[in-house]
Amino acid sequence: MRAEDGGAVQAQLAERYRRIRRAIAEGLPRHFDEAVSGAPLPVTDLAWVLPALATGLDLQAAVEPRALPAGLPARAYAVLLGDAKAVGAKPSAQDAIANPLQVPPTTVSQ
């Protein structure tokens, strides 16, 4: 990322991740106000963990496309976000469109 561009690409990517983390940190308190249980981590920590989980799973799925267990991202998010009803659920294409940060594209059922 720091080759010939003088770090410009890294700076752009860092800013993108800051915006994503800020949006997550601002939206999560509302989710946990409505949830039965509180947040398992501070929302500022979850703002780091959730995109990292999506990025890591997407990277692994890109390397080994058929290896990612169906519904794993949805189950992991359900555990982290306290949505016990969603554990075991496989997100639909509509879920991915409505929540692009929460549903890595490699896990969407058609």
C-alpha atoms as a PDB file:
ATOM      1  CA  MET A   1       0.000   0.000   0.000  1.00  0.00           C
ATOM      2  CA  ARG A   2       2.887   2.391   0.458  1.00  0.00           C
ATOM      3  CA  ALA A   3       4.667   1.785  -2.822  1.00  0.00           C
ATOM      4  CA  GLU A   4       4.863   4.636  -5.287  1.00  0.00           C
ATOM      5  CA  ASP A   5       1.810   6.570  -4.215  1.00  0.00           C
ATOM      6  CA  GLY A   6       3.468   8.054  -1.129  1.00  0.00           C
ATOM      7  CA  GLY A   7       0.936   6.424   1.163  1.00  0.00           C
ATOM      8  CA  ALA A   8      -2.125   7.956  -0.526  1.00  0.00           C
ATOM      9  CA  VAL A   9      -3.918   4.620  -0.892  1.00  0.00           C
ATOM     10  CA  GLN A  10      -3.222   3.753   2.735  1.00  0.00           C
ATOM     11  CA  ALA A  11      -4.553   7.138   3.850  1.00  0.00           C
ATOM     12  CA  GLN A  12      -7.734   6.681   1.792  1.00  0.00           C
ATOM     13  CA  LEU A  13      -8.299   3.193   3.177  1.00  0.00           C
ATOM     14  CA  ALA A  14      -7.643   4.375   6.737  1.00  0.00           C
ATOM     15  CA  GLU A  15     -10.198   7.168   6.306  1.00  0.00           C
ATOM     16  CA  ARG A  16     -12.742   4.703   4.914  1.00  0.00           C
ATOM     17  CA  TYR A  17     -12.296   2.427   7.920  1.00  0.00           C
ATOM     18  CA  ARG A  18     -12.610   5.417  10.293  1.00  0.00           C
ATOM     19  CA  ARG A  19     -15.951   6.344   8.665  1.00  0.00           C
ATOM     20  CA  ILE A  20     -17.169   2.747   8.922  1.00  0.00           C
ATOM     21  CA  ARG A  21     -16.155   2.496  12.594  1.00  0.00           C
ATOM     22  CA  ARG A  22     -17.793   5.848  13.366  1.00  0.00           C
ATOM     23  CA  ALA A  23     -21.067   4.776  11.705  1.00  0.00           C
ATOM     24  CA  ILE A  24     -21.075   1.463  13.571  1.00  0.00           C
ATOM     25  CA  ALA A  25     -20.270   3.097  16.912  1.00  0.00           C
ATOM     26  CA  GLU A  26     -23.087   5.611  16.395  1.00  0.00           C
ATOM     27  CA  GLY A  27     -25.665   2.971  15.414  1.00  0.00           C
ATOM     28  CA  LEU A  28     -24.916   0.205  17.903  1.00  0.00           C
ATOM     29  CA  PRO A  29     -26.163   1.931  21.060  1.00  0.00           C
ATOM     30  CA  ARG A  30     -29.631   2.060  19.484  1.00  0.00           C
ATOM     31  CA  HIS A  31     -29.430  -1.685  18.751  1.00  0.00           C
ATOM     32  CA  PHE A  32     -28.456  -2.518  22.314  1.00  0.00           C
ATOM     33  CA  ASP A  33     -31.134  -0.232  23.773  1.00  0.00           C
ATOM     34  CA  GLU A  34     -33.678  -2.427  21.963  1.00  0.00           C
ATOM     35  CA  ALA A  35     -31.926  -5.734  22.760  1.00  0.00           C
ATOM     36  CA  VAL A  36     -32.597  -7.805  25.840  1.00  0.00           C
ATOM     37  CA  SER A  37     -28.913  -8.006  26.749  1.00  0.00           C
ATOM     38  CA  GLY A  38     -26.256  -5.323  26.714  1.00  0.00           C
ATOM     39  CA  ALA A  39     -23.288  -5.102  24.419  1.00  0.00           C
ATOM     40  CA  PRO A  40     -20.682  -7.842  24.960  1.00  0.00           C
ATOM     41  CA  LEU A  41     -17.929  -5.254  24.347  1.00  0.00           C
ATOM     42  CA  PRO A  42     -17.870  -1.467  24.320  1.00  0.00           C
ATOM     43  CA  VAL A  43     -19.410  -0.241  21.051  1.00  0.00           C
ATOM     44  CA  THR A  44     -16.117   1.445  20.138  1.00  0.00           C
ATOM     45  CA  ASP A  45     -14.469  -2.008  20.303  1.00  0.00           C
ATOM     46  CA  LEU A  46     -17.291  -3.598  18.313  1.00  0.00           C
ATOM     47  CA  ALA A  47     -16.783  -0.887  15.713  1.00  0.00           C
ATOM     48  CA  TRP A  48     -13.319  -2.408  15.158  1.00  0.00           C
ATOM     49  CA  VAL A  49     -14.326  -6.063  15.488  1.00  0.00           C
ATOM     50  CA  LEU A  50     -17.335  -6.168  13.131  1.00  0.00           C
ATOM     51  CA  PRO A  51     -15.598  -4.843   9.984  1.00  0.00           C
ATOM     52  CA  ALA A  52     -12.508  -6.919  10.803  1.00  0.00           C
ATOM     53  CA  LEU A  53     -14.665 -10.027  11.003  1.00  0.00           C
ATOM     54  CA  ALA A  54     -16.277  -9.260   7.647  1.00  0.00           C
ATOM     55  CA  THR A  55     -12.944  -8.445   6.011  1.00  0.00           C
ATOM     56  CA  GLY A  56     -11.271 -11.555   7.386  1.00  0.00           C
ATOM     57  CA  LEU A  57     -14.085 -13.866   6.348  1.00  0.00           C
ATOM     58  CA  ASP A  58     -14.241 -12.270   2.895  1.00  0.00           C
ATOM     59  CA  LEU A  59     -10.494 -12.699   2.459  1.00  0.00           C
ATOM     60  CA  GLN A  60     -10.628 -16.345   3.519  1.00  0.00           C
ATOM     61  CA  ALA A  61     -13.614 -16.977   1.255  1.00  0.00           C
ATOM     62  CA  ALA A  62     -11.785 -15.378  -1.669  1.00  0.00           C
ATOM     63  CA  VAL A  63      -8.841 -17.727  -1.120  1.00  0.00           C
ATOM     64  CA  GLU A  64     -11.002 -20.793  -0.514  1.00  0.00           C
ATOM     65  CA  PRO A  65     -14.476 -19.998  -1.925  1.00  0.00           C
ATOM     66  CA  ARG A  66     -16.334 -23.163  -0.952  1.00  0.00           C
ATOM     67  CA  ALA A  67     -14.814 -23.568   2.506  1.00  0.00           C
ATOM     68  CA  LEU A  68     -16.721 -20.858   4.406  1.00  0.00           C
ATOM     69  CA  PRO A  69     -19.516 -22.601   6.324  1.00  0.00           C
ATOM     70  CA  ALA A  70     -22.951 -21.420   5.211  1.00  0.00           C
ATOM     71  CA  GLY A  71     -24.403 -18.902   7.614  1.00  0.00           C
ATOM     72  CA  LEU A  72     -21.226 -18.544   9.694  1.00  0.00           C
ATOM     73  CA  PRO A  73     -21.014 -14.748   9.385  1.00  0.00           C
ATOM     74  CA  ALA A  74     -24.669 -14.373  10.398  1.00  0.00           C
ATOM     75  CA  ARG A  75     -24.142 -16.643  13.403  1.00  0.00           C
ATOM     76  CA  ALA A  76     -20.985 -14.782  14.450  1.00  0.00           C
ATOM     77  CA  TYR A  77     -22.729 -11.411  14.197  1.00  0.00           C
ATOM     78  CA  ALA A  78     -25.678 -12.802  16.162  1.00  0.00           C
ATOM     79  CA  VAL A  79     -23.347 -13.817  18.978  1.00  0.00           C
ATOM     80  CA  LEU A  80     -21.549 -10.463  18.981  1.00  0.00           C
ATOM     81  CA  LEU A  81     -24.720  -8.412  18.673  1.00  0.00           C
ATOM     82  CA  GLY A  82     -26.850 -10.473  21.032  1.00  0.00           C
ATOM     83  CA  ASP A  83     -29.487 -11.639  18.548  1.00  0.00           C
ATOM     84  CA  ALA A  84     -30.121 -15.211  19.660  1.00  0.00           C
ATOM     85  CA  LYS A  85     -32.970 -15.610  17.141  1.00  0.00           C
ATOM     86  CA  ALA A  86     -30.538 -15.171  14.257  1.00  0.00           C
ATOM     87  CA  VAL A  87     -28.069 -17.848  15.381  1.00  0.00           C
ATOM     88  CA  GLY A  88     -28.173 -20.498  12.714  1.00  0.00           C
ATOM     89  CA  ALA A  89     -29.901 -18.250  10.182  1.00  0.00           C
ATOM     90  CA  LYS A  90     -28.472 -17.754   6.737  1.00  0.00           C
ATOM     91  CA  PRO A  91     -28.932 -14.198   5.449  1.00  0.00           C
ATOM     92  CA  SER A  92     -30.901 -13.592   2.295  1.00  0.00           C
ATOM     93  CA  ALA A  93     -29.885 -11.407  -0.622  1.00  0.00           C
ATOM     94  CA  GLN A  94     -32.226  -8.747   0.787  1.00  0.00           C
ATOM     95  CA  ASP A  95     -30.340  -8.857   4.103  1.00  0.00           C
ATOM     96  CA  ALA A  96     -27.105  -8.202   2.251  1.00  0.00           C
ATOM     97  CA  ILE A  97     -28.596  -5.227   0.422  1.00  0.00           C
ATOM     98  CA  ALA A  98     -30.143  -3.777   3.584  1.00  0.00           C
ATOM     99  CA  ASN A  99     -27.063  -4.388   5.776  1.00  0.00           C
ATOM    100  CA  PRO A 100     -23.974  -4.472   3.566  1.00  0.00           C
ATOM    101  CA  LEU A 101     -21.599  -4.082   6.503  1.00  0.00           C
ATOM    102  CA  GLN A 102     -23.187  -6.950   8.367  1.00  0.00           C
ATOM    103  CA  VAL A 103     -23.536  -9.561   5.633  1.00  0.00           C
ATOM    104  CA  PRO A 104     -20.384 -10.474   3.724  1.00  0.00           C
ATOM    105  CA  PRO A 105     -21.392 -11.261   0.121  1.00  0.00           C
ATOM    106  CA  THR A 106     -19.894 -14.750   0.233  1.00  0.00           C
ATOM    107  CA  THR A 107     -22.607 -15.905   2.637  1.00  0.00           C
ATOM    108  CA  VAL A 108     -25.780 -14.769   0.929  1.00  0.00           C
ATOM    109  CA  SER A 109     -28.397 -17.333  -0.037  1.00  0.00           C
ATOM    110  CA  GLN A 110     -30.185 -16.819  -3.334  1.00  0.00           C
END
